C-alpha atoms as a PDB file:
ATOM      1  CA  MET A   1       0.680 -14.948 -31.147  1.00  0.00           C
ATOM      2  CA  ALA A   2       1.685 -12.990 -34.444  1.00  0.00           C
ATOM      3  CA  ALA A   3      -1.982 -12.374 -35.791  1.00  0.00           C
ATOM      4  CA  PHE A   4      -3.153 -10.334 -32.592  1.00  0.00           C
ATOM      5  CA  ASP A   5       0.118  -7.936 -33.344  1.00  0.00           C
ATOM      6  CA  PRO A   6      -1.528  -4.037 -34.700  1.00  0.00           C
ATOM      7  CA  PRO A   7      -1.323  -4.503 -38.586  1.00  0.00           C
ATOM      8  CA  TYR A   8      -0.256  -0.214 -37.805  1.00  0.00           C
ATOM      9  CA  GLN A   9       3.340   1.426 -36.649  1.00  0.00           C
ATOM     10  CA  THR A  10       2.615   3.873 -33.605  1.00  0.00           C
ATOM     11  CA  VAL A  11       4.678   7.388 -34.147  1.00  0.00           C
ATOM     12  CA  GLY A  12       6.696   8.798 -31.829  1.00  0.00           C
ATOM     13  CA  TYR A  13       5.700  12.064 -32.442  1.00  0.00           C
ATOM     14  CA  ALA A  14       2.022  11.477 -32.645  1.00  0.00           C
ATOM     15  CA  THR A  15       1.864  10.414 -28.361  1.00  0.00           C
ATOM     16  CA  PRO A  16      -0.056  12.447 -26.747  1.00  0.00           C
ATOM     17  CA  ALA A  17       1.592  14.597 -24.505  1.00  0.00           C
ATOM     18  CA  ALA A  18       1.368  14.918 -21.067  1.00  0.00           C
ATOM     19  CA  ARG A  19      -1.012  17.533 -20.059  1.00  0.00           C
ATOM     20  CA  PRO A  20       0.468  20.297 -17.102  1.00  0.00           C
ATOM     21  CA  GLY A  21      -2.496  20.504 -15.400  1.00  0.00           C
ATOM     22  CA  SER A  22      -2.703  16.999 -14.580  1.00  0.00           C
ATOM     23  CA  ARG A  23       1.080  16.922 -12.959  1.00  0.00           C
ATOM     24  CA  LEU A  24      -0.047  20.002 -10.988  1.00  0.00           C
ATOM     25  CA  GLY A  25      -3.700  18.640  -9.646  1.00  0.00           C
ATOM     26  CA  ALA A  26      -1.640  15.436  -8.836  1.00  0.00           C
ATOM     27  CA  THR A  27       1.265  17.821  -6.750  1.00  0.00           C
ATOM     28  CA  VAL A  28      -1.554  19.670  -5.073  1.00  0.00           C
ATOM     29  CA  TRP A  29      -3.332  16.882  -3.770  1.00  0.00           C
ATOM     30  CA  LEU A  30      -0.288  14.481  -2.855  1.00  0.00           C
ATOM     31  CA  GLY A  31       0.350  18.141  -0.539  1.00  0.00           C
ATOM     32  CA  LEU A  32      -3.110  17.819   0.940  1.00  0.00           C
ATOM     33  CA  PHE A  33      -3.109  14.440   2.076  1.00  0.00           C
ATOM     34  CA  GLY A  34       0.199  15.345   3.493  1.00  0.00           C
ATOM     35  CA  LEU A  35      -1.057  18.129   6.017  1.00  0.00           C
ATOM     36  CA  ALA A  36      -4.087  15.621   6.192  1.00  0.00           C
ATOM     37  CA  LEU A  37      -1.612  13.066   7.919  1.00  0.00           C
ATOM     38  CA  VAL A  38      -0.280  15.582   9.926  1.00  0.00           C
ATOM     39  CA  VAL A  39      -3.567  16.441  11.406  1.00  0.00           C
ATOM     40  CA  LEU A  40      -4.476  12.734  12.262  1.00  0.00           C
ATOM     41  CA  GLY A  41      -0.876  12.436  13.678  1.00  0.00           C
ATOM     42  CA  GLY A  42      -1.923  15.571  15.667  1.00  0.00           C
ATOM     43  CA  CYS A  43      -5.778  13.251  16.938  1.00  0.00           C
ATOM     44  CA  PHE A  44      -3.246  10.707  17.689  1.00  0.00           C
ATOM     45  CA  LEU A  45      -1.755  12.779  20.224  1.00  0.00           C
ATOM     46  CA  ILE A  46      -4.308  14.439  21.795  1.00  0.00           C
ATOM     47  CA  GLY A  47      -5.133  11.046  22.410  1.00  0.00           C
ATOM     48  CA  VAL A  48      -1.814  10.511  24.125  1.00  0.00           C
ATOM     49  CA  GLN A  49      -3.002  13.870  26.266  1.00  0.00           C
ATOM     50  CA  PHE A  50      -5.922  12.778  27.386  1.00  0.00           C
ATOM     51  CA  VAL A  51      -4.294   9.829  28.469  1.00  0.00           C
ATOM     52  CA  VAL A  52      -1.432  11.239  30.226  1.00  0.00           C
ATOM     53  CA  ALA A  53      -3.512  14.083  32.283  1.00  0.00           C
ATOM     54  CA  PRO A  54      -7.208  14.121  31.154  1.00  0.00           C
ATOM     55  CA  GLN A  55      -7.547  17.192  33.420  1.00  0.00           C
ATOM     56  CA  GLY A  56      -6.847  19.494  30.564  1.00  0.00           C
ATOM     57  CA  PHE A  57      -9.962  17.915  28.316  1.00  0.00           C
ATOM     58  CA  THR A  58     -12.555  17.977  31.151  1.00  0.00           C
ATOM     59  CA  GLY A  59     -11.890  21.514  33.907  1.00  0.00           C
ATOM     60  CA  THR A  60     -12.308  19.530  36.204  1.00  0.00           C
ATOM     61  CA  ALA A  61      -9.065  18.508  38.406  1.00  0.00           C
ATOM     62  CA  ILE A  62      -9.294  14.465  37.400  1.00  0.00           C
ATOM     63  CA  GLN A  63      -5.799  12.064  38.347  1.00  0.00           C
ATOM     64  CA  ALA A  64      -4.259  10.834  35.813  1.00  0.00           C
ATOM     65  CA  PRO A  65      -5.612   7.044  35.842  1.00  0.00           C
ATOM     66  CA  PRO A  66      -2.235   4.505  36.929  1.00  0.00           C
ATOM     67  CA  ILE A  67      -0.115   3.315  34.555  1.00  0.00           C
ATOM     68  CA  THR A  68      -0.406  -0.218  33.862  1.00  0.00           C
ATOM     69  CA  PRO A  69       0.936  -2.293  31.292  1.00  0.00           C
ATOM     70  CA  LYS A  70      -2.092  -2.394  28.987  1.00  0.00           C
ATOM     71  CA  LEU A  71      -2.246   1.521  29.678  1.00  0.00           C
ATOM     72  CA  VAL A  72       1.960   1.283  28.114  1.00  0.00           C
ATOM     73  CA  VAL A  73       0.945  -0.450  25.293  1.00  0.00           C
ATOM     74  CA  LEU A  74      -1.787   2.221  24.645  1.00  0.00           C
ATOM     75  CA  LEU A  75       0.741   4.826  24.556  1.00  0.00           C
ATOM     76  CA  GLY A  76       2.587   3.382  22.505  1.00  0.00           C
ATOM     77  CA  VAL A  77       0.412   2.602  20.093  1.00  0.00           C
ATOM     78  CA  LEU A  78      -0.516   6.196  20.248  1.00  0.00           C
ATOM     79  CA  TYR A  79       2.960   7.650  19.559  1.00  0.00           C
ATOM     80  CA  ILE A  80       4.312   4.990  16.878  1.00  0.00           C
ATOM     81  CA  ALA A  81       0.683   5.792  14.645  1.00  0.00           C
ATOM     82  CA  ALA A  82       1.766   9.222  15.634  1.00  0.00           C
ATOM     83  CA  LEU A  83       5.170   9.026  14.527  1.00  0.00           C
ATOM     84  CA  LEU A  84       4.075   7.260  11.089  1.00  0.00           C
ATOM     85  CA  CYS A  85       1.699   9.458  10.081  1.00  0.00           C
ATOM     86  CA  PHE A  86       4.421  12.271  10.808  1.00  0.00           C
ATOM     87  CA  SER A  87       6.622  10.344   9.384  1.00  0.00           C
ATOM     88  CA  GLY A  88       4.448   9.777   5.828  1.00  0.00           C
ATOM     89  CA  ALA A  89       3.359  13.714   5.681  1.00  0.00           C
ATOM     90  CA  ALA A  90       6.937  14.501   5.594  1.00  0.00           C
ATOM     91  CA  VAL A  91       7.057  12.095   2.553  1.00  0.00           C
ATOM     92  CA  LEU A  92       4.461  13.809   0.780  1.00  0.00           C
ATOM     93  CA  LEU A  93       5.022  17.101   1.211  1.00  0.00           C
ATOM     94  CA  VAL A  94       8.723  16.608   0.176  1.00  0.00           C
ATOM     95  CA  VAL A  95       7.387  15.306  -3.242  1.00  0.00           C
ATOM     96  CA  SER A  96       5.036  17.634  -3.186  1.00  0.00           C
ATOM     97  CA  VAL A  97       7.183  20.900  -3.079  1.00  0.00           C
ATOM     98  CA  LYS A  98       9.762  18.735  -5.707  1.00  0.00           C
ATOM     99  CA  GLY A  99       7.024  18.309  -7.705  1.00  0.00           C
ATOM    100  CA  LEU A 100       5.351  22.481  -7.730  1.00  0.00           C
ATOM    101  CA  LEU A 101       8.933  23.155  -8.010  1.00  0.00           C
ATOM    102  CA  ARG A 102       9.602  21.407 -11.586  1.00  0.00           C
ATOM    103  CA  ILE A 103       6.078  22.525 -12.646  1.00  0.00           C
ATOM    104  CA  VAL A 104       7.362  26.192 -12.170  1.00  0.00           C
ATOM    105  CA  ARG A 105      10.826  25.469 -13.685  1.00  0.00           C
ATOM    106  CA  GLN A 106       9.018  24.316 -16.449  1.00  0.00           C
END
């Protein structure tokens, strides 16, 4: 394996420095993805609202369907999906704000 080693040595001060623009762009994108997850979680909760009280969407007095085991599973999946979206959004937004503050402090 020694035959494949480069014949030159790397110098510590000759390595390219990190560009601050790339870090700023990454933190901004993380923040936008966090906000997109908030919107997606809201869409899941709109699905829950549509199942529980459909009259708000149609404008007419429609009774909600009877609660069946399949409907309970659907509501559980929608609530879990919304919870996961909001949790992921919280993590992404905290990481994004920390990154932005780190860039501002430099």
